[in-house]
């Protein structure tokens, strides 16, 4: 396999899951011997982190009509000088600028990555500008196909999980004053309405009434949903049983203190947090939306339930809360899937990305 010259573009200035995926992909592809660069806005956190990691980052303003025209000319020059094999765009804004520039520069392969699960409006930035498209799940891929993108031009490349070292002792129970025999259901997710925190509270509350050692822990921040969730917990009188820990930077430490993981999300492109939970040896409960069903094995490493189905969610919780043996078996199977099989490893991401780039370059040259 020859070394490829690849440049990624991203217009976002914040750093979230999408930007994290780009960073991990570039790092993994560099480790396989490919030359990696990026095009970002000057104040982008991704640009800062990539520069700190030793990548070459080109910066230019992408906001506004004037910067659109100027950006096309600037990026066209960058692409011609860099003689890249592949341009991979990620957001709509950088796609309409960078992909247009790549068309003018004659870049051999232009790829757009779709990270989101919400419905696609205009197909222009998926069909007319890029040559091919990658998606973070088969669910997102199928949505694009249903909207009219040719199936042979779309490939799924799962987002990777960089696994931390195993945690020998979690501080979670000490922080919350919980005993070793308390049952802790944990949820790690940014506080947004679509993440289903209220649905999870409603599903577990009936079980708490008859199980005094049962606790629910939320990890994640985000106004105003964080404050709304606090108020809802208080209204139900469950402040001693449902714990909101806010944003934390030691998520592996907290996962190691859970007995099981549950997230009742209502919209999800993939749901890599389920993979992180399985890496910690936890059985998982998830809703059958977006690409969630692709993140774990229903009945083997976790339980999949329909979205907005309180009874099904309560039943799934009860099964795992009351059966320590089932928790252990599913947790062991999940840990094996993530660690031993490497399904969501950065190395697997790089191998898959390399394969689709190579195939598409061959098709384009042919």
Protein backbone atom coordinates (compact mmCIF):
# COMPACT_ATOMS: atom_id res chain seq x y z
CA UNK A 1 0.00 0.00 0.00
CA UNK A 2 1.55 3.31 -1.07
CA UNK A 3 1.49 6.26 1.29
CA UNK A 4 -1.37 8.65 0.53
CA UNK A 5 -1.37 12.42 0.89
CA UNK A 6 -4.63 13.25 2.70
CA UNK A 7 -6.06 16.56 3.91
CA UNK A 8 -9.14 16.96 6.10
CA UNK A 9 -11.29 20.11 6.29
CA UNK A 10 -13.55 21.16 9.17
CA UNK A 11 -15.34 24.50 9.64
CA UNK A 12 -16.42 24.06 13.27
CA UNK A 13 -14.50 26.02 15.90
CA UNK A 14 -15.72 24.00 18.92
CA UNK A 15 -14.43 20.54 19.80
CA UNK A 16 -17.01 17.76 20.12
CA UNK A 17 -17.49 14.20 18.96
CA UNK A 18 -17.11 15.07 15.28
CA UNK A 19 -13.84 16.89 15.81
CA UNK A 20 -12.63 14.11 18.10
CA UNK A 21 -13.31 11.60 15.35
CA UNK A 22 -11.23 13.66 12.88
CA UNK A 23 -8.35 13.89 15.35
CA UNK A 24 -8.35 10.15 16.03
CA UNK A 25 -8.67 9.30 12.33
CA UNK A 26 -5.76 11.52 11.35
CA UNK A 27 -3.61 10.10 14.15
CA UNK A 28 -4.42 6.50 13.20
CA UNK A 29 -3.81 7.10 9.49
CA UNK A 30 -0.48 8.80 10.21
CA UNK A 31 0.52 5.75 12.24
CA UNK A 32 -0.06 3.64 9.09
CA UNK A 33 2.37 5.80 7.16
CA UNK A 34 0.06 8.26 5.40
CA UNK A 35 0.78 11.99 5.16
CA UNK A 36 -1.98 13.91 6.97
CA UNK A 37 -2.80 17.64 7.01
CA UNK A 38 -5.90 19.70 7.88
CA UNK A 39 -7.73 22.88 6.88
CA UNK A 40 -9.55 24.66 9.72
CA UNK A 41 -10.69 28.08 10.86
CA UNK A 42 -8.07 30.14 12.77
CA UNK A 43 -9.74 29.86 16.20
CA UNK A 44 -10.77 26.23 15.89
CA UNK A 45 -9.88 24.03 18.86
CA UNK A 46 -9.27 21.18 16.42
CA UNK A 47 -6.57 23.27 14.70
CA UNK A 48 -4.88 23.85 18.04
CA UNK A 49 -4.93 20.19 19.05
CA UNK A 50 -3.73 18.98 15.67
CA UNK A 51 -0.87 21.50 15.68
CA UNK A 52 0.13 20.38 19.17
CA UNK A 53 0.18 16.80 17.87
CA UNK A 54 2.58 17.73 15.08
CA UNK A 55 0.20 17.97 12.13
CA UNK A 56 0.41 20.72 9.50
CA UNK A 57 -2.77 22.82 9.74
CA UNK A 58 -3.80 25.45 7.19
CA UNK A 59 -6.15 28.09 8.58
CA UNK A 60 -8.59 30.48 6.93
CA UNK A 61 -11.91 32.12 7.74
CA UNK A 62 -14.92 30.21 6.37
CA UNK A 63 -17.86 32.27 7.68
CA UNK A 64 -19.77 34.66 5.40
CA UNK A 65 -20.21 35.12 1.65
CA UNK A 66 -16.97 37.06 1.18
CA UNK A 67 -14.98 34.31 2.89
CA UNK A 68 -16.76 31.70 0.75
CA UNK A 69 -15.35 33.09 -2.48
CA UNK A 70 -12.00 33.92 -0.94
CA UNK A 71 -11.86 30.50 0.70
CA UNK A 72 -12.35 28.65 -2.58
CA UNK A 73 -9.42 30.51 -4.12
CA UNK A 74 -7.21 29.98 -1.06
CA UNK A 75 -7.95 26.28 -0.67
CA UNK A 76 -7.54 25.71 -4.40
CA UNK A 77 -3.98 27.01 -4.01
CA UNK A 78 -3.36 24.83 -0.94
CA UNK A 79 -4.58 21.73 -2.76
CA UNK A 80 -2.56 22.37 -5.89
CA UNK A 81 0.61 22.99 -3.91
CA UNK A 82 0.05 20.00 -1.62
CA UNK A 83 -0.78 17.58 -4.47
CA UNK A 84 -3.05 15.56 -2.19
CA UNK A 85 -4.62 12.27 -3.20
CA UNK A 86 -7.67 12.78 -0.99
CA UNK A 87 -9.63 15.70 0.44
CA UNK A 88 -12.04 14.61 3.21
CA UNK A 89 -14.61 17.24 4.25
CA UNK A 90 -16.87 17.01 7.31
CA UNK A 91 -19.33 19.90 7.71
CA UNK A 92 -21.59 21.50 5.14
CA UNK A 93 -19.76 24.84 5.27
CA UNK A 94 -16.29 23.45 4.66
CA UNK A 95 -17.69 21.08 2.04
CA UNK A 96 -19.16 23.82 -0.13
CA UNK A 97 -15.84 25.71 0.07
CA UNK A 98 -13.16 23.01 0.12
CA UNK A 99 -14.89 20.49 -2.16
CA UNK A 100 -15.59 23.21 -4.72
CA UNK A 101 -11.93 24.21 -4.55
CA UNK A 102 -10.89 20.57 -4.94
CA UNK A 103 -13.00 20.25 -8.08
CA UNK A 104 -11.17 23.23 -9.54
CA UNK A 105 -7.78 21.95 -8.36
CA UNK A 106 -8.33 18.47 -9.82
CA UNK A 107 -7.92 16.59 -6.53
CA UNK A 108 -8.26 12.87 -7.43
CA UNK A 109 -10.71 11.94 -4.64
CA UNK A 110 -13.10 14.17 -2.67
CA UNK A 111 -14.87 12.47 0.27
CA UNK A 112 -17.58 13.91 2.53
CA UNK A 113 -18.10 12.31 5.93
CA UNK A 114 -21.61 12.38 7.42
CA UNK A 115 -21.51 12.31 11.24
CA UNK A 116 -25.14 13.12 12.11
CA UNK A 117 -28.34 11.08 12.16
CA UNK A 118 -30.84 13.89 11.52
CA UNK A 119 -32.53 14.12 8.13
CA UNK A 120 -30.54 15.50 5.22
CA UNK A 121 -32.05 18.46 3.40
CA UNK A 122 -30.13 19.38 0.27
CA UNK A 123 -28.12 16.59 -1.34
CA UNK A 124 -25.84 19.03 -3.16
CA UNK A 125 -23.00 18.62 -0.66
CA UNK A 126 -23.29 14.81 -0.87
CA UNK A 127 -23.68 14.24 -4.60
CA UNK A 128 -22.53 17.18 -6.73
CA UNK A 129 -19.45 18.29 -4.78
CA UNK A 130 -17.80 15.15 -3.31
CA UNK A 131 -17.00 12.04 -5.33
CA UNK A 132 -17.84 9.69 -2.46
CA UNK A 133 -19.31 9.72 1.08
CA UNK A 134 -18.46 7.93 4.33
CA UNK A 135 -20.85 7.62 7.28
CA UNK A 136 -20.40 6.75 10.95
CA UNK A 137 -23.05 3.99 10.91
CA UNK A 138 -25.02 1.84 8.51
CA UNK A 139 -28.16 3.65 9.67
CA UNK A 140 -26.80 6.98 8.42
CA UNK A 141 -25.57 5.31 5.23
CA UNK A 142 -29.02 3.88 4.51
CA UNK A 143 -30.64 7.27 5.07
CA UNK A 144 -28.40 8.83 2.42
CA UNK A 145 -29.14 5.99 0.02
CA UNK A 146 -32.87 6.42 0.62
CA UNK A 147 -32.47 10.13 -0.15
CA UNK A 148 -30.82 9.38 -3.49
CA UNK A 149 -27.07 8.94 -2.98
CA UNK A 150 -25.94 5.89 -5.05
CA UNK A 151 -25.22 2.93 -2.76
CA UNK A 152 -21.83 2.22 -4.36
CA UNK A 153 -20.68 5.73 -3.46
CA UNK A 154 -21.34 5.46 0.29
CA UNK A 155 -19.36 3.42 2.85
CA UNK A 156 -19.63 3.05 6.61
CA UNK A 157 -16.52 3.72 8.70
CA UNK A 158 -17.24 3.41 12.42
CA UNK A 159 -15.82 6.03 14.76
CA UNK A 160 -12.99 4.69 16.91
CA UNK A 161 -12.63 4.50 20.66
CA UNK A 162 -9.23 5.12 22.21
CA UNK A 163 -9.32 2.77 25.18
CA UNK A 164 -7.84 3.99 28.47
CA UNK A 165 -5.91 1.67 30.77
CA UNK A 166 -8.16 -0.46 33.01
CA UNK A 167 -9.21 1.28 36.23
CA UNK A 168 -8.19 -0.70 39.31
CA UNK A 169 -10.34 1.25 41.77
CA UNK A 170 -13.15 3.67 41.00
CA UNK A 171 -13.71 6.61 43.34
CA UNK A 172 -17.40 6.89 42.40
CA UNK A 173 -18.91 5.12 45.41
CA UNK A 174 -16.68 6.92 47.86
CA UNK A 175 -17.70 10.28 46.36
CA UNK A 176 -21.40 9.46 46.62
CA UNK A 177 -21.25 7.56 49.89
CA UNK A 178 -22.50 4.33 48.31
CA UNK A 179 -21.84 0.84 49.61
CA UNK A 180 -20.20 -1.96 47.64
CA UNK A 181 -23.50 -3.85 47.49
CA UNK A 182 -25.51 -0.89 46.16
CA UNK A 183 -26.61 -1.36 42.55
CA UNK A 184 -25.54 1.60 40.39
CA UNK A 185 -27.09 2.23 36.99
CA UNK A 186 -24.94 4.79 35.17
CA UNK A 187 -25.57 7.08 32.23
CA UNK A 188 -22.89 9.21 30.53
CA UNK A 189 -24.24 11.74 28.03
CA UNK A 190 -24.37 15.46 27.41
CA UNK A 191 -27.54 16.93 28.91
CA UNK A 192 -29.80 17.43 25.88
CA UNK A 193 -33.53 16.78 25.62
CA UNK A 194 -32.98 14.08 22.97
CA UNK A 195 -30.73 12.04 25.26
CA UNK A 196 -33.74 10.77 27.22
CA UNK A 197 -32.64 11.47 30.81
CA UNK A 198 -36.27 11.99 31.88
CA UNK A 199 -37.30 8.73 30.17
CA UNK A 200 -34.65 6.86 32.15
CA UNK A 201 -35.82 8.44 35.42
CA UNK A 202 -39.42 7.47 34.70
CA UNK A 203 -38.41 3.90 33.87
CA UNK A 204 -36.23 3.31 36.94
CA UNK A 205 -38.37 5.12 39.54
CA UNK A 206 -40.85 2.21 40.00
CA UNK A 207 -37.93 -0.17 40.61
CA UNK A 208 -36.43 2.15 43.21
CA UNK A 209 -39.64 1.97 45.24
CA UNK A 210 -38.96 -1.69 46.07
CA UNK A 211 -35.16 -1.76 45.83
CA UNK A 212 -33.61 0.51 48.49
CA UNK A 213 -30.06 -0.16 47.30
CA UNK A 214 -30.72 0.93 43.70
CA UNK A 215 -29.13 4.19 42.48
CA UNK A 216 -28.96 6.09 39.19
CA UNK A 217 -25.96 8.26 38.29
CA UNK A 218 -25.93 10.84 35.49
CA UNK A 219 -22.58 12.08 34.18
CA UNK A 220 -22.63 15.05 31.81
CA UNK A 221 -23.49 18.73 31.71
CA UNK A 222 -25.49 21.09 29.54
CA UNK A 223 -27.90 23.89 30.33
CA UNK A 224 -30.84 24.13 30.64
CA UNK A 225 -31.47 20.37 30.66
CA UNK A 226 -29.12 19.80 33.61
CA UNK A 227 -31.13 22.22 35.79
CA UNK A 228 -34.43 20.85 34.48
CA UNK A 229 -33.35 17.31 35.36
CA UNK A 230 -32.31 18.42 38.84
CA UNK A 231 -35.76 19.95 39.37
CA UNK A 232 -37.51 16.83 38.08
CA UNK A 233 -35.53 14.60 40.43
CA UNK A 234 -36.44 16.89 43.34
CA UNK A 235 -40.12 16.87 42.36
CA UNK A 236 -40.10 13.07 42.58
CA UNK A 237 -38.23 13.13 45.89
CA UNK A 238 -35.36 11.05 44.55
CA UNK A 239 -32.41 13.31 45.40
CA UNK A 240 -30.85 10.57 47.54
CA UNK A 241 -31.18 7.96 44.81
CA UNK A 242 -30.48 9.85 41.59
CA UNK A 243 -27.13 11.64 41.45
CA UNK A 244 -26.14 14.30 38.89
CA UNK A 245 -22.37 14.64 38.70
CA UNK A 246 -22.14 17.21 35.90
CA UNK A 247 -19.30 17.34 33.40
CA UNK A 248 -16.36 15.14 34.34
CA UNK A 249 -12.96 14.44 32.81
CA UNK A 250 -12.52 11.07 34.55
CA UNK A 251 -15.27 9.12 32.79
CA UNK A 252 -13.35 5.77 32.78
CA UNK A 253 -12.99 6.10 36.57
CA UNK A 254 -16.74 6.64 36.93
CA UNK A 255 -17.70 3.86 34.49
CA UNK A 256 -15.65 1.45 36.60
CA UNK A 257 -17.97 2.22 39.53
CA UNK A 258 -21.20 1.35 37.68
CA UNK A 259 -22.92 -2.04 37.66
CA UNK A 260 -24.60 -1.42 34.31
CA UNK A 261 -24.94 1.33 31.72
CA UNK A 262 -28.21 2.71 30.29
CA UNK A 263 -28.93 5.51 27.83
CA UNK A 264 -32.47 6.08 26.55
CA UNK A 265 -31.43 8.34 23.68
CA UNK A 266 -34.06 9.36 21.13
CA UNK A 267 -31.63 10.31 18.34
CA UNK A 268 -28.12 9.02 17.72
CA UNK A 269 -25.91 8.70 14.64
CA UNK A 270 -23.84 5.95 16.24
CA UNK A 271 -23.50 6.06 20.05
CA UNK A 272 -19.86 5.33 20.83
CA UNK A 273 -20.48 5.81 24.55
CA UNK A 274 -22.04 2.32 24.54
CA UNK A 275 -18.68 1.02 23.29
CA UNK A 276 -16.83 2.86 26.07
CA UNK A 277 -19.17 1.29 28.63
CA UNK A 278 -18.61 -2.19 27.23
CA UNK A 279 -14.85 -1.61 27.31
CA UNK A 280 -15.27 -1.15 31.07
CA UNK A 281 -16.99 -4.53 31.31
CA UNK A 282 -20.52 -3.17 31.68
CA UNK A 283 -23.69 -4.63 30.20
CA UNK A 284 -25.57 -1.91 28.33
CA UNK A 285 -29.18 -0.93 27.68
CA UNK A 286 -29.89 1.18 24.61
CA UNK A 287 -32.77 2.37 22.46
CA UNK A 288 -33.23 1.17 18.90
CA UNK A 289 -32.61 4.50 17.17
CA UNK A 290 -30.01 5.57 14.63
CA UNK A 291 -26.86 3.47 14.77
CA UNK A 292 -27.22 2.37 18.40
CA UNK A 293 -27.99 -1.23 17.42
CA UNK A 294 -24.59 -1.36 15.67
CA UNK A 295 -22.70 -0.43 18.83
CA UNK A 296 -23.50 -3.57 20.85
CA UNK A 297 -24.94 -7.05 20.38
CA UNK A 298 -28.53 -7.32 21.54
CA UNK A 299 -28.99 -10.25 23.90
CA UNK A 300 -25.24 -10.87 24.11
CA UNK A 301 -23.54 -7.70 25.38
CA UNK A 302 -26.68 -5.71 26.21
CA UNK A 303 -30.40 -5.20 25.72
CA UNK A 304 -31.98 -3.13 22.94
CA UNK A 305 -35.42 -1.60 23.59
CA UNK A 306 -37.79 0.47 21.44
CA UNK A 307 -37.54 4.25 21.91
CA UNK A 308 -40.08 5.98 24.18
CA UNK A 309 -41.28 2.61 25.49
CA UNK A 310 -41.27 3.02 29.27
CA UNK A 311 -42.43 -0.53 30.00
CA UNK A 312 -39.75 -2.13 27.82
CA UNK A 313 -37.06 0.07 29.38
CA UNK A 314 -38.22 -0.78 32.90
CA UNK A 315 -38.27 -4.52 32.07
CA UNK A 316 -34.72 -4.35 30.65
CA UNK A 317 -33.48 -2.50 33.71
CA UNK A 318 -35.15 -4.98 36.03
CA UNK A 319 -33.56 -7.97 34.26
CA UNK A 320 -30.06 -6.64 34.73
CA UNK A 321 -30.60 -5.09 38.17
CA UNK A 322 -31.94 -8.35 39.61
CA UNK A 323 -29.57 -10.79 37.87
CA UNK A 324 -25.91 -10.36 38.79
CA UNK A 325 -24.96 -13.40 36.71
CA UNK A 326 -26.52 -11.90 33.58
CA UNK A 327 -24.71 -8.63 34.23
CA UNK A 328 -21.42 -10.48 34.52
CA UNK A 329 -21.94 -12.57 31.36
CA UNK A 330 -22.99 -9.62 29.22
CA UNK A 331 -20.24 -7.44 30.65
CA UNK A 332 -17.59 -10.07 29.88
CA UNK A 333 -18.92 -10.48 26.33
CA UNK A 334 -18.87 -6.72 25.77
CA UNK A 335 -15.33 -6.37 27.06
CA UNK A 336 -14.19 -9.18 24.75
CA UNK A 337 -15.89 -7.58 21.73
CA UNK A 338 -14.20 -4.24 22.30
CA UNK A 339 -10.77 -5.27 23.57
CA UNK A 340 -10.10 -8.65 21.91
CA UNK A 341 -11.95 -8.21 18.61
CA UNK A 342 -10.99 -4.53 18.23
CA UNK A 343 -14.21 -3.76 16.36
CA UNK A 344 -14.04 -0.05 17.23
CA UNK A 345 -10.29 0.44 17.53
CA UNK A 346 -8.39 3.28 15.82
CA UNK A 347 -6.40 0.61 13.96
CA UNK A 348 -9.60 -0.85 12.50
CA UNK A 349 -10.76 2.65 11.53
CA UNK A 350 -7.48 3.28 9.69
CA UNK A 351 -7.60 -0.08 7.92
CA UNK A 352 -11.18 0.50 6.75
CA UNK A 353 -10.51 4.09 5.71
CA UNK A 354 -7.40 3.07 3.80
CA UNK A 355 -9.35 0.34 2.01
CA UNK A 356 -12.22 2.59 0.89
CA UNK A 357 -9.86 5.39 -0.19
CA UNK A 358 -7.78 2.92 -2.22
CA UNK A 359 -10.84 1.37 -3.87
CA UNK A 360 -12.36 4.72 -4.73
CA UNK A 361 -9.08 6.11 -6.07
CA UNK A 362 -8.82 3.06 -8.32
CA UNK A 363 -12.40 3.54 -9.53
CA UNK A 364 -11.76 7.22 -10.18
CA UNK A 365 -8.53 6.61 -12.09
CA UNK A 366 -10.19 3.85 -14.09
